[in-house]
Amino acid sequence: MENNLINTARSFFNEQSYQEIADKENLPIDQVKRGIDTAIPSLFLGLQKKTGYDLQAILDKFKAYFVGFNFSDITNLWKNEKSESLASGDSQGLLSSLFGKDLDNIIPHTASFLGLDKGILSNLFKAGLPAVIGALTAKGTNWDATSIEADLNNNRSEFLKALPPGLPLNILGDSLPSSEQTLPADSTIVTPIQETVTPEIDPVKNVVVDDPIISKSPKQPIAPITEERKKGGGLWWLLIPIILLILWFLFGKGCNRENAAPMVTDNHVDSLITETEVDSNLDQVDSETGINNESIVVTLPNNVELNAFKGGIEDQLVMFLNSDYKGLSEEELKNRWFDFDNLNFETGTANILPESQVQLDNLIAILKAYPEVKIKVGGYTDKTGNEDINIKISNDRAMAVKTAFNAQNVGDRVVETEGYGSEFAKFEADAPESDRVKDRRVAISVRK
């Protein structure tokens, strides 16, 4: 069933109002639409976190602010405020009341994910606020906290679906701790497939300007994460060790990346690039890699929820950690690597690009949820370029991941980093780019 709240909130905007915002903020209209489409479910989720007295208090603030407001023309919100940009003043206070201290985390990280200026995204959140309130209160006619709370809880899964694919929930305020309202056991968060975009390169700074990872998904399609994973019960948990063992025999046995030439399998999503090329985790076409753009909620043991791609590193790693992996030997663990699929660097450096932070944050959240887990970080390149440089840059990039983990107090969980250069590259230097990209990656391996 379609979510009336999301649809109703979106219906307050039309091409004219989008264009007015675009003109005011000097943005392409498609970026305005994307920002609004992210703001609306984020605002609903912020409200959904409020319960009881807290919800009543925030509704009272909204009611006082929107009394007499004309919801048929929500552009009045920013037209009537004395700001050269969109709504500031009182509407900024409403956002602060809604998200609290989390607002300082939500706006900059979401802006980085969307490739927008954080000031502009804050304005788009303000622009989306009256649409959300109008949808939730029937244009200001129903402020009953009990019925509003029920509507918010009943539509939580739909709010999650409306978020852009790959946007981690930990961006939206301490990982949006799970309420008692959970997703149906058979549900998977699905979003429309987005068009893959070739990255635009700034010829002066030599960095990715328009990175396609915003609309990309990882390669490996695997079973959706359902409520059963959260509960830890059911027949599925009996099958996981058997499936993992079968996959290991099919793809992993004898494939020791550290002591033998690797057997490249479909388990790898490439993100590391050589010095002479653009750093991006460009996946291959659907027919070659099984790419899907399904966004799912990965629930950790501490009830933290991550918004990730089906089959991405978060999905695979959590499934592995929930299995009986401790029964595997050290040699068997060395053969199992999980490749980052949203990790990018400035060309020829180990400087991680800002849009990569969302996946780093997800991995940090996973390490915090599994405090006993130790990992090794490995960097890999293809066979192009000077091998000494390849080894150095692959090692530096593995270290850059550890440094990012250090900043969040989980760096001690990285027992080793190593740059392998092109040692385990499968394809020759003159192979097509579609092949060589498979040899470039940063990956982690679970250790005892």
Protein backbone atom coordinates (compact mmCIF):
# COMPACT_ATOMS: atom_id res chain seq x y z
CA MET A 1 0.00 0.00 0.00
CA GLU A 2 1.35 3.42 -0.87
CA ASN A 3 2.26 5.68 2.01
CA ASN A 4 -0.28 8.52 2.15
CA LEU A 5 1.85 10.64 4.46
CA ILE A 6 4.86 10.67 2.12
CA ASN A 7 2.69 11.17 -0.95
CA THR A 8 0.62 13.89 0.71
CA ALA A 9 3.71 15.77 1.86
CA ARG A 10 5.18 15.62 -1.65
CA SER A 11 1.91 16.83 -3.13
CA PHE A 12 2.37 20.22 -1.47
CA PHE A 13 5.19 20.85 -3.95
CA ASN A 14 4.71 21.49 -7.65
CA GLU A 15 7.03 22.52 -10.44
CA GLN A 16 6.50 26.18 -9.67
CA SER A 17 7.43 25.84 -6.00
CA TYR A 18 10.46 23.68 -6.87
CA GLN A 19 11.54 26.34 -9.36
CA GLU A 20 11.12 29.12 -6.79
CA ILE A 21 13.39 27.25 -4.39
CA ALA A 22 15.87 26.51 -7.16
CA ASP A 23 16.03 30.19 -8.12
CA LYS A 24 16.39 31.30 -4.50
CA GLU A 25 19.17 28.82 -3.75
CA ASN A 26 20.79 28.94 -7.21
CA LEU A 27 20.44 25.19 -7.64
CA PRO A 28 19.37 22.94 -10.53
CA ILE A 29 15.78 21.92 -9.98
CA ASP A 30 16.65 18.20 -9.90
CA GLN A 31 18.95 18.81 -6.92
CA VAL A 32 16.17 20.69 -5.17
CA LYS A 33 13.81 17.77 -5.72
CA ARG A 34 16.38 15.30 -4.42
CA GLY A 35 17.01 17.40 -1.34
CA ILE A 36 13.28 17.77 -0.61
CA ASP A 37 12.71 14.06 -1.20
CA THR A 38 15.39 13.35 1.42
CA ALA A 39 14.17 16.00 3.86
CA ILE A 40 10.56 14.80 3.95
CA PRO A 41 11.15 11.21 5.21
CA SER A 42 13.95 12.47 7.49
CA LEU A 43 11.55 14.92 9.14
CA PHE A 44 8.90 12.22 9.52
CA LEU A 45 11.48 9.91 11.12
CA GLY A 46 12.55 12.69 13.47
CA LEU A 47 8.95 13.04 14.61
CA GLN A 48 8.51 9.29 14.82
CA LYS A 49 11.29 9.16 17.43
CA LYS A 50 9.19 11.39 19.69
CA THR A 51 6.71 9.64 21.97
CA GLY A 52 4.25 10.63 24.63
CA TYR A 53 5.02 13.93 26.33
CA ASP A 54 7.93 14.73 23.98
CA LEU A 55 5.70 14.37 20.93
CA GLN A 56 2.97 16.48 22.51
CA ALA A 57 5.50 19.20 23.32
CA ILE A 58 6.89 19.41 19.80
CA LEU A 59 3.38 19.36 18.31
CA ASP A 60 2.42 22.27 20.57
CA LYS A 61 5.39 24.23 19.21
CA PHE A 62 4.45 23.42 15.64
CA LYS A 63 0.79 24.30 16.25
CA ALA A 64 1.74 27.72 17.64
CA TYR A 65 4.01 28.39 14.69
CA PHE A 66 1.65 27.19 11.96
CA VAL A 67 -1.56 28.65 13.36
CA GLY A 68 -3.36 30.33 10.46
CA PHE A 69 -0.75 29.07 8.01
CA ASN A 70 -1.90 28.59 4.43
CA PHE A 71 -0.83 25.04 3.64
CA SER A 72 -2.12 25.45 0.10
CA ASP A 73 0.89 27.67 -0.57
CA ILE A 74 3.77 26.40 1.52
CA THR A 75 6.17 28.74 -0.27
CA ASN A 76 4.81 31.41 2.10
CA LEU A 77 7.10 30.00 4.78
CA TRP A 78 10.22 31.29 3.12
CA LYS A 79 8.58 34.21 1.30
CA ASN A 80 7.45 35.80 4.56
CA GLU A 81 10.71 35.45 6.48
CA LYS A 82 13.28 38.21 6.30
CA SER A 83 16.09 36.18 4.82
CA GLU A 84 17.86 36.30 1.52
CA SER A 85 17.77 32.53 1.47
CA LEU A 86 15.02 30.13 2.50
CA ALA A 87 13.35 30.09 5.88
CA SER A 88 15.59 30.88 8.81
CA GLY A 89 14.50 32.47 12.06
CA ASP A 90 11.78 30.58 13.86
CA SER A 91 11.78 27.66 11.42
CA GLN A 92 15.43 27.01 12.32
CA GLY A 93 14.34 26.83 15.93
CA LEU A 94 11.70 24.28 15.00
CA LEU A 95 14.31 22.07 13.35
CA SER A 96 16.50 22.36 16.44
CA SER A 97 13.56 21.45 18.65
CA LEU A 98 12.80 18.43 16.51
CA PHE A 99 16.28 16.96 16.16
CA GLY A 100 18.08 18.50 19.14
CA LYS A 101 21.85 18.13 19.14
CA ASP A 102 21.53 15.54 16.37
CA LEU A 103 20.84 18.36 13.90
CA ASP A 104 24.56 19.21 13.87
CA ASN A 105 25.21 15.67 12.66
CA ILE A 106 22.23 15.22 10.35
CA ILE A 107 22.65 18.26 8.14
CA PRO A 108 26.40 18.10 7.30
CA HIS A 109 26.54 14.33 6.81
CA THR A 110 23.38 14.18 4.73
CA ALA A 111 24.60 17.17 2.72
CA SER A 112 27.89 15.37 2.06
CA PHE A 113 25.98 12.27 0.97
CA LEU A 114 23.82 14.29 -1.43
CA GLY A 115 26.67 16.48 -2.66
CA LEU A 116 24.97 19.66 -1.44
CA ASP A 117 26.12 22.61 0.63
CA LYS A 118 25.03 22.07 4.24
CA GLY A 119 23.48 25.54 4.43
CA ILE A 120 21.39 24.83 1.37
CA LEU A 121 20.30 21.43 2.68
CA SER A 122 19.27 23.06 5.97
CA ASN A 123 17.08 25.40 3.94
CA LEU A 124 15.56 22.47 2.06
CA PHE A 125 14.73 20.81 5.39
CA LYS A 126 12.97 24.02 6.41
CA ALA A 127 11.12 24.06 3.10
CA GLY A 128 9.95 20.49 3.65
CA LEU A 129 8.78 21.13 7.21
CA PRO A 130 5.36 22.69 6.42
CA ALA A 131 4.65 19.91 3.92
CA VAL A 132 5.32 17.28 6.59
CA ILE A 133 3.21 19.11 9.18
CA GLY A 134 0.44 19.69 6.64
CA ALA A 135 0.34 15.98 5.75
CA LEU A 136 0.47 14.87 9.38
CA THR A 137 -2.20 17.26 10.70
CA ALA A 138 -4.55 17.40 7.69
CA LYS A 139 -3.45 20.97 6.91
CA GLY A 140 -3.46 22.03 10.53
CA THR A 141 -6.92 20.70 11.43
CA ASN A 142 -5.92 17.65 13.51
CA TRP A 143 -3.30 18.03 16.26
CA ASP A 144 -4.27 14.97 18.32
CA ALA A 145 -0.97 13.53 19.55
CA THR A 146 -2.30 10.00 20.02
CA SER A 147 -3.53 9.59 16.44
CA ILE A 148 -0.44 11.33 15.04
CA GLU A 149 1.86 9.01 17.00
CA ALA A 150 -0.03 6.00 15.64
CA ASP A 151 0.26 7.29 12.07
CA LEU A 152 3.98 7.87 12.48
CA ASN A 153 4.62 4.41 13.90
CA ASN A 154 2.46 2.68 11.30
CA ASN A 155 4.35 4.38 8.48
CA ARG A 156 7.91 4.00 9.80
CA SER A 157 8.89 1.35 7.26
CA GLU A 158 7.58 3.55 4.45
CA PHE A 159 9.61 6.51 5.69
CA LEU A 160 12.70 4.29 5.52
CA LYS A 161 11.85 3.23 1.99
CA ALA A 162 11.61 6.86 0.92
CA LEU A 163 15.18 7.65 1.99
CA PRO A 164 17.77 7.66 -0.81
CA PRO A 165 19.50 4.29 -1.30
CA GLY A 166 22.67 3.93 0.76
CA LEU A 167 21.97 6.78 3.21
CA PRO A 168 22.96 5.28 6.59
CA LEU A 169 20.43 5.69 9.35
CA ASN A 170 23.18 6.63 11.80
CA ILE A 171 23.29 9.97 9.98
CA LEU A 172 19.78 10.70 11.20
CA GLY A 173 20.61 11.14 14.86
CA ASP A 174 22.37 8.37 16.78
CA SER A 175 21.31 5.72 14.29
CA LEU A 176 17.60 6.25 14.87
CA PRO A 177 17.32 3.60 17.61
CA SER A 178 14.63 1.11 16.79
CA SER A 179 11.25 1.69 18.34
CA GLU A 180 8.80 -1.04 19.17
CA GLN A 181 7.34 -0.56 15.71
CA THR A 182 9.46 -2.81 13.50
CA LEU A 183 9.40 -3.83 9.89
CA PRO A 184 7.35 -6.83 8.82
CA ALA A 185 9.36 -10.03 8.84
CA ASP A 186 9.19 -10.40 5.08
CA SER A 187 9.89 -6.78 4.18
CA THR A 188 12.81 -5.41 2.23
CA ILE A 189 13.41 -1.68 1.77
CA VAL A 190 13.26 -1.16 -1.97
CA THR A 191 13.95 2.04 -3.88
CA PRO A 192 13.77 2.77 -7.60
CA ILE A 193 16.85 1.95 -9.62
CA GLN A 194 18.80 5.10 -10.39
CA GLU A 195 20.80 5.89 -13.45
CA THR A 196 24.56 5.30 -13.26
CA VAL A 197 26.53 8.48 -13.97
CA THR A 198 30.08 8.72 -15.26
CA PRO A 199 32.11 10.83 -12.81
CA GLU A 200 33.04 14.37 -13.83
CA ILE A 201 36.65 15.26 -13.04
CA ASP A 202 37.87 18.68 -11.99
CA PRO A 203 40.90 19.17 -14.28
CA VAL A 204 42.55 21.49 -11.78
CA LYS A 205 42.09 19.60 -8.51
CA ASN A 206 42.05 16.21 -10.21
CA VAL A 207 39.28 14.88 -8.01
CA VAL A 208 35.85 13.42 -8.61
CA VAL A 209 33.33 16.27 -8.82
CA ASP A 210 30.14 14.37 -9.48
CA ASP A 211 30.64 10.93 -7.97
CA PRO A 212 28.24 8.23 -9.13
CA ILE A 213 28.31 6.35 -5.85
CA ILE A 214 25.35 8.42 -4.75
CA SER A 215 23.18 6.43 -7.15
CA LYS A 216 25.18 3.22 -7.30
CA SER A 217 24.62 -0.07 -5.54
CA PRO A 218 27.03 -2.84 -4.63
CA LYS A 219 27.37 -5.99 -6.66
CA GLN A 220 26.42 -9.01 -4.67
CA PRO A 221 22.69 -9.78 -4.50
CA ILE A 222 21.96 -11.91 -1.44
CA ALA A 223 18.90 -12.69 0.63
CA PRO A 224 17.17 -9.64 2.15
CA ILE A 225 17.73 -8.81 5.79
CA THR A 226 14.47 -9.42 7.58
CA GLU A 227 13.19 -9.16 11.09
CA GLU A 228 14.32 -12.76 11.60
CA ARG A 229 17.91 -11.58 11.52
CA LYS A 230 17.15 -9.10 14.26
CA LYS A 231 15.44 -11.72 16.38
CA GLY A 232 18.13 -14.28 15.75
CA GLY A 233 15.67 -17.12 15.41
CA GLY A 234 14.03 -19.30 12.85
CA LEU A 235 15.14 -21.94 10.42
CA TRP A 236 17.19 -19.39 8.45
CA TRP A 237 19.82 -19.33 11.18
CA LEU A 238 20.28 -23.07 10.84
CA LEU A 239 20.87 -22.67 7.11
CA ILE A 240 23.36 -19.77 7.25
CA PRO A 241 26.41 -21.85 8.39
CA ILE A 242 25.61 -24.49 5.77
CA ILE A 243 25.28 -21.89 3.01
CA LEU A 244 28.50 -20.15 4.05
CA LEU A 245 30.33 -23.47 4.08
CA ILE A 246 29.07 -24.30 0.59
CA LEU A 247 30.07 -20.86 -0.69
CA TRP A 248 33.51 -21.25 0.85
CA PHE A 249 34.05 -24.59 -0.90
CA LEU A 250 32.83 -23.15 -4.20
CA PHE A 251 34.65 -19.81 -4.14
CA GLY A 252 37.08 -19.49 -1.27
CA LYS A 253 39.00 -22.72 -0.77
CA GLY A 254 42.58 -22.39 -1.76
CA CYS A 255 42.18 -18.66 -2.36
CA ASN A 256 44.59 -17.31 0.26
CA ARG A 257 45.24 -13.72 -0.69
CA GLU A 258 48.30 -13.55 1.53
CA ASN A 259 50.06 -16.75 0.66
CA ALA A 260 48.86 -17.70 -2.80
CA ALA A 261 47.61 -16.18 -6.03
CA PRO A 262 43.97 -15.25 -5.56
CA MET A 263 40.99 -16.65 -7.34
CA VAL A 264 38.88 -13.59 -8.15
CA THR A 265 35.23 -14.27 -7.46
CA ASP A 266 32.01 -12.34 -7.60
CA ASN A 267 32.48 -11.50 -3.92
CA HIS A 268 34.52 -8.38 -4.68
CA VAL A 269 33.39 -4.83 -5.26
CA ASP A 270 36.26 -2.65 -6.39
CA SER A 271 37.05 0.70 -4.87
CA LEU A 272 40.83 1.18 -5.03
CA ILE A 273 42.27 2.93 -8.05
CA THR A 274 45.79 3.38 -9.38
CA GLU A 275 47.66 6.67 -9.45
CA THR A 276 46.79 7.56 -13.02
CA GLU A 277 43.05 6.99 -12.85
CA VAL A 278 39.93 8.42 -11.23
CA ASP A 279 39.22 7.02 -7.78
CA SER A 280 35.71 5.63 -7.74
CA ASN A 281 33.94 2.41 -6.89
CA LEU A 282 32.43 2.08 -10.37
CA ASP A 283 30.61 -1.22 -10.64
CA GLN A 284 30.01 -3.08 -13.86
CA VAL A 285 26.80 -3.32 -15.85
CA ASP A 286 23.93 -5.34 -14.47
CA SER A 287 24.42 -8.26 -16.84
CA GLU A 288 28.00 -8.81 -15.68
CA THR A 289 27.77 -8.29 -11.94
CA GLY A 290 24.19 -8.70 -10.83
CA ILE A 291 24.00 -5.14 -9.53
CA ASN A 292 20.77 -4.28 -7.74
CA ASN A 293 19.70 -1.02 -6.13
CA GLU A 294 17.64 -2.41 -3.28
CA SER A 295 18.09 -0.47 -0.07
CA ILE A 296 17.65 -2.51 3.10
CA VAL A 297 17.79 -1.96 6.83
CA VAL A 298 20.62 -3.87 8.51
CA THR A 299 19.86 -4.30 12.22
CA LEU A 300 22.80 -4.76 14.58
CA PRO A 301 22.72 -6.64 17.92
CA ASN A 302 22.57 -3.34 19.83
CA ASN A 303 19.44 -2.36 17.83
CA VAL A 304 21.30 0.21 15.76
CA GLU A 305 19.88 0.27 12.25
CA LEU A 306 21.99 0.87 9.14
CA ASN A 307 20.48 1.83 5.82
CA ALA A 308 22.56 -0.05 3.27
CA PHE A 309 22.43 -1.77 -0.09
CA LYS A 310 21.37 -5.36 -0.41
CA GLY A 311 24.52 -7.40 -0.87
CA GLY A 312 26.85 -4.54 0.13
CA ILE A 313 29.69 -4.77 2.62
CA GLU A 314 27.42 -4.00 5.57
CA ASP A 315 24.91 -6.67 4.57
CA GLN A 316 27.51 -9.36 3.94
CA LEU A 317 29.67 -8.58 6.97
CA VAL A 318 26.80 -8.58 9.45
CA MET A 319 25.47 -11.83 8.03
CA PHE A 320 28.95 -13.33 8.39
CA LEU A 321 29.35 -12.10 11.98
CA ASN A 322 25.94 -13.54 12.86
CA SER A 323 27.06 -16.93 11.59
CA ASP A 324 29.27 -19.45 13.36
CA TYR A 325 32.40 -17.85 11.90
CA LYS A 326 34.40 -18.48 15.08
CA GLY A 327 34.47 -22.12 14.11
CA LEU A 328 36.59 -21.30 11.05
CA SER A 329 40.34 -21.65 11.19
CA GLU A 330 42.76 -18.73 10.76
CA GLU A 331 43.52 -19.94 7.24
CA GLU A 332 39.84 -20.08 6.38
CA LEU A 333 39.29 -16.54 7.72
CA LYS A 334 42.20 -15.26 5.61
CA ASN A 335 40.35 -16.42 2.53
CA ARG A 336 37.22 -14.39 3.29
CA TRP A 337 37.38 -10.69 2.44
CA PHE A 338 34.68 -8.02 2.36
CA ASP A 339 35.23 -5.21 -0.14
CA PHE A 340 34.18 -1.61 0.43
CA ASP A 341 31.78 -0.48 -2.28
CA ASN A 342 31.41 3.20 -1.32
CA LEU A 343 35.03 4.11 -0.54
CA ASN A 344 36.75 6.67 -2.76
CA PHE A 345 40.02 8.61 -2.74
CA GLU A 346 41.48 11.65 -4.39
CA THR A 347 43.44 10.52 -7.41
CA GLY A 348 46.95 9.34 -6.57
CA THR A 349 46.51 9.91 -2.83
CA ALA A 350 45.20 8.24 0.30
CA ASN A 351 42.84 11.15 1.00
CA ILE A 352 39.37 9.74 1.51
CA LEU A 353 36.65 11.75 -0.23
CA PRO A 354 33.86 13.10 2.02
CA GLU A 355 31.11 11.01 0.43
CA SER A 356 32.91 7.88 1.66
CA GLN A 357 32.25 8.82 5.27
CA VAL A 358 28.77 7.31 5.21
CA GLN A 359 30.09 3.80 4.65
CA LEU A 360 32.98 4.29 7.07
CA ASP A 361 30.42 5.29 9.70
CA ASN A 362 28.47 2.11 8.96
CA LEU A 363 31.57 -0.04 9.45
CA ILE A 364 32.39 1.81 12.66
CA ALA A 365 28.86 1.10 13.92
CA ILE A 366 29.29 -2.59 13.08
CA LEU A 367 32.59 -2.80 14.98
CA LYS A 368 30.97 -1.15 17.99
CA ALA A 369 28.09 -3.62 17.86
CA TYR A 370 30.48 -6.61 17.74
CA PRO A 371 33.16 -5.61 20.31
CA GLU A 372 35.00 -8.91 20.09
CA VAL A 373 35.66 -8.68 16.34
CA LYS A 374 39.16 -7.98 15.03
CA ILE A 375 39.88 -7.17 11.40
CA LYS A 376 42.69 -6.72 8.90
CA VAL A 377 42.49 -4.01 6.23
CA GLY A 378 44.03 -4.69 2.81
CA GLY A 379 44.57 -2.45 -0.19
CA TYR A 380 44.84 -3.68 -3.79
CA THR A 381 45.60 -2.15 -7.19
CA ASP A 382 45.55 -3.32 -10.79
CA LYS A 383 48.73 -3.92 -12.80
CA THR A 384 49.04 -0.50 -14.39
CA GLY A 385 51.67 1.98 -13.22
CA ASN A 386 54.83 1.56 -11.17
CA GLU A 387 54.60 -1.35 -8.73
CA ASP A 388 56.48 0.43 -5.95
CA ILE A 389 53.96 3.25 -6.14
CA ASN A 390 51.08 0.78 -6.27
CA ILE A 391 52.32 -0.94 -3.12
CA LYS A 392 52.79 2.35 -1.31
CA ILE A 393 49.44 3.83 -2.25
CA SER A 394 47.55 0.61 -1.51
CA ASN A 395 49.21 0.47 1.92
CA ASP A 396 48.54 4.16 2.57
CA ARG A 397 44.87 3.69 1.74
CA ALA A 398 44.54 0.71 4.03
CA MET A 399 46.12 2.87 6.75
CA ALA A 400 43.70 5.69 5.93
CA VAL A 401 40.81 3.40 6.82
CA LYS A 402 42.46 2.53 10.14
CA THR A 403 43.00 6.23 10.81
CA ALA A 404 39.28 6.86 10.21
CA PHE A 405 38.51 4.07 12.67
CA ASN A 406 40.96 5.57 15.18
CA ALA A 407 39.00 8.81 15.12
CA GLN A 408 35.92 6.89 16.36
CA ASN A 409 37.81 4.83 18.97
CA VAL A 410 37.66 1.53 17.12
CA GLY A 411 41.12 1.68 15.56
CA ASP A 412 42.39 -0.89 18.07
CA ARG A 413 40.14 -3.44 16.35
CA VAL A 414 42.37 -3.28 13.27
CA VAL A 415 45.10 -5.79 14.03
CA GLU A 416 46.96 -5.25 10.76
CA THR A 417 46.96 -3.22 7.56
CA GLU A 418 48.74 -4.19 4.37
CA GLY A 419 49.06 -2.90 0.83
CA TYR A 420 49.40 -5.65 -1.73
CA GLY A 421 49.76 -3.46 -4.80
CA SER A 422 49.03 -5.55 -7.88
CA GLU A 423 50.27 -8.80 -6.34
CA PHE A 424 46.88 -10.41 -6.57
CA ALA A 425 45.61 -8.64 -9.69
CA LYS A 426 44.05 -11.05 -12.13
CA PHE A 427 44.00 -8.92 -15.27
CA GLU A 428 46.93 -7.62 -17.29
CA ALA A 429 47.76 -3.91 -17.53
CA ASP A 430 46.42 -3.73 -21.10
CA ALA A 431 43.12 -5.42 -20.21
CA PRO A 432 39.89 -3.44 -20.68
CA GLU A 433 38.96 -1.06 -17.89
CA SER A 434 35.86 -3.17 -17.22
CA ASP A 435 38.22 -6.00 -16.20
CA ARG A 436 40.95 -4.02 -14.45
CA VAL A 437 38.46 -2.29 -12.18
CA LYS A 438 37.88 -5.69 -10.54
CA ASP A 439 41.48 -5.68 -9.29
CA ARG A 440 41.23 -2.35 -7.46
CA ARG A 441 39.74 -2.45 -3.98
CA VAL A 442 40.09 -1.88 -0.26
CA ALA A 443 38.82 -4.79 1.78
CA ILE A 444 38.63 -6.11 5.33
CA SER A 445 39.01 -9.62 6.69
CA VAL A 446 37.82 -10.85 10.08
CA ARG A 447 40.54 -12.23 12.32
CA LYS A 448 40.64 -13.99 15.66
